[in-house]
Every structure is written in C-alpha cells, then in structure tokens.
Amino acid sequence: MSDTEFDKADTAQLVSEFRDVTTRLRSEVGRIIVGQDEVVEHLLITLLVGGHCLVTGMPGTAKTLLVRTLADALGLQFDRIQFTPDLMPTDITGTDIIEDNDKGERSWRFIPGPIFTNVLLADEINRTPPKTQAALLEAMQEYSATVRGTQHTIDKPFFVLATQNPLELEGTYPLPEAQLDRFLFNIMLGYLPLEDELTVVERFTSDTPPEPVVACTNPAQILAFQRLTRQVPVSRQVGQYAVQLVRATRPEDPSATDKVRQYVKFGASVRAALFITLAAKARALMAGRYHVTTDDIDALAAPVLRHRVMLNYFAEADGVDIDAVLRDLVEQRVAA
C-alpha cells in the first residue's frame, strides 16, 4: 500500500471515529444540559480547533455547569479558577517556593498553578482586574507560563473556557482587547424557552439526580481530531468569501455595509478570518462533510466576530447591538 493510500485510509477511519465520538459527546452533555444544542456545538468546535471560548450570560444561566459537564464528557484533566477582585497572577500560573532538603540545603521548586491542566474553567473572568486577566494571555497563545523568568510548558490539549457576566452588572471589568482576540468564540447564553426551563426545574429538583457523565474520548484522540480538522479542504472561493466577510466589518473598507459605516468604530483583524475558517472546518466535519461551504462561514460569523468588532457611540445612542450589525452584514453578503 502506498503512503497516499495509507493516508486516505487513516483519514477515513478518523472521520468515522470523529462522527461517533461527537455524537456520543452531544448525547452525554445533553443528559445534563437542556436546550443549548447550538452552544454545545460551538464548544465542541472550540475544542476541535484548539482554541478558547468565552461564554457570556446572566447569572443563573448554567454557564459553569455547562463547562464542567463538557470537561467531564471529554475525559480530560479539569481545573477551575473562580476569578475575584483580589486574585493575583501567581494564583493562576503558580509560584516558586524555597525548600530544604535532608542535608539542610535550600533550592527553588515550582508549584504549578491551576492553569496547568487540559480544560481550564475561568469562572467569571471579568470579576478580576486587568492585571490578573492578563496572566492568561501567554498561556492561551503560547501554551506556557513564565514564572520568575522561567518558562513552563502546558501540555496539550489545553483550552480555556471562560465565563463572564454582562458588563452592565456591578463589579465587572471589561476584558482587554488583546485578551478578547485570543478567544475563538464569544457565545451568548440566554434564557431557555418555557418547556426547556420547566424540564430543568423538574430534573434538578427531584430526589434522583442525573447519572454522572461518562467520558467519551481521551487526550491522544482529541489531538488527532484537531489535526484532522486542519486537513479539511477549503476552496479558494470559500476562503475568499470568509476574508471578504471579515474585511466588510471595517468601516473604511469599500465592501462595508451602511450599518457598519454608521455604527462600527473598529472592525475585525486578520485573526478573525483565520479563526472563522478553522471553525468552519470543524463545523463541516460535525455535519458529516469533508469540505467547507459558505453556509459554514455565515453560521459562525456572530460568535467569531461579536467580540472583535467595536461599536461607536452612535450605536449606543440608537440602541443598536453588535448582533444586529453582524446579522445585517451576513444577510447582505448572502444576497450579493
């Protein structure tokens, strides 16, 4: 068998495993989380791309439960940081301590912080000041943490699932733009429909709680799935569509819509085009396709762009939010 034939067979087997695992993951998470299918899909896409995800929602919308349930279903090492106003950077990265050995000699020993894990739940990340928020930046981008001048590597897979409360609530700090740009998605977690909310109440007020979530995968398999995701082909036409969509968020670009020119202060950078293309590859695989379409790009525009496009004061004055601007942008791109 030639190398090419072996690669094709290996890829076909991975695609089959991928479909089976993602189906079981959705099923396991769905036993605990009700009515958030799209949110779960976006979290799985984040995993497959090797990115990080920001989940925004009001208190009591099960943000923490959602992330913890997904981590359990993935079978990965999990840790959680509850962000508070007095949290220090070393509380995240870890620190060096001085130890005495049997001979009375002293030496430095590094004590890893909670960031050295596979799945990190950064709970209420905008409850802590920017200095501590910035401690996550190196880990999210470089998969390492520097303490006292020494760089410590974080094992892969590693991804941060951060929850935040809306900025209108007291005691919140807006995340720096540089940190926001490190997140693949900003997922908005809203209130459930009546029937789903009733199901939640019935499920979690009974004397028979749901069975524990069963792990469906492992680190080695996840890394293989991440490599498979990057191998999904994207035609030049679809790639051009993704780039043009991102460029259209910039008010100075000729392709910008009227709403973008009127309400947007800053558009998305080239990182948004990279992320939306990678995410579209994962979405295609989850749909059973080994190619990307423009529909994949359109479906992911809002979660990829909503935290990368900054509105101006005209938008605030007119009561226009970012999702309305992005929805209009996608509709006009589709119509064209």
Foldseek 3Di string as FASTA:
>chain_A
DDPVVVVVVVLVVLLVLVLVLVVLLLVLLCLQDFDPSVVVLLVVLCLLQLAAEEEEEAPPLCLVVSLVSSCQQQVWWEDEDEAAAPDDQCLAAWAWDWDQDPVRDIDIDTDGHRQQIQEYEYEQVQLYDQNNNCSCLCCRPPQWGAYPRDIGHRDPPHYYYYYHYDPVDPRGHDHDLSSLLRGQFYHYRYDHPPVRVVVNVVQVVDPDHGDRRHHRHDRVSSVVSSVSLVPQDEDPVLLVLLVLLQQLLALVDPNDDPCSVQWWDGGADVSLSVSLVSSQSSVCSNVVHSYGDNVSSLVRQCGRTQSRIHTDVRCVVVVHHSVVSSVVSSVVSVVD
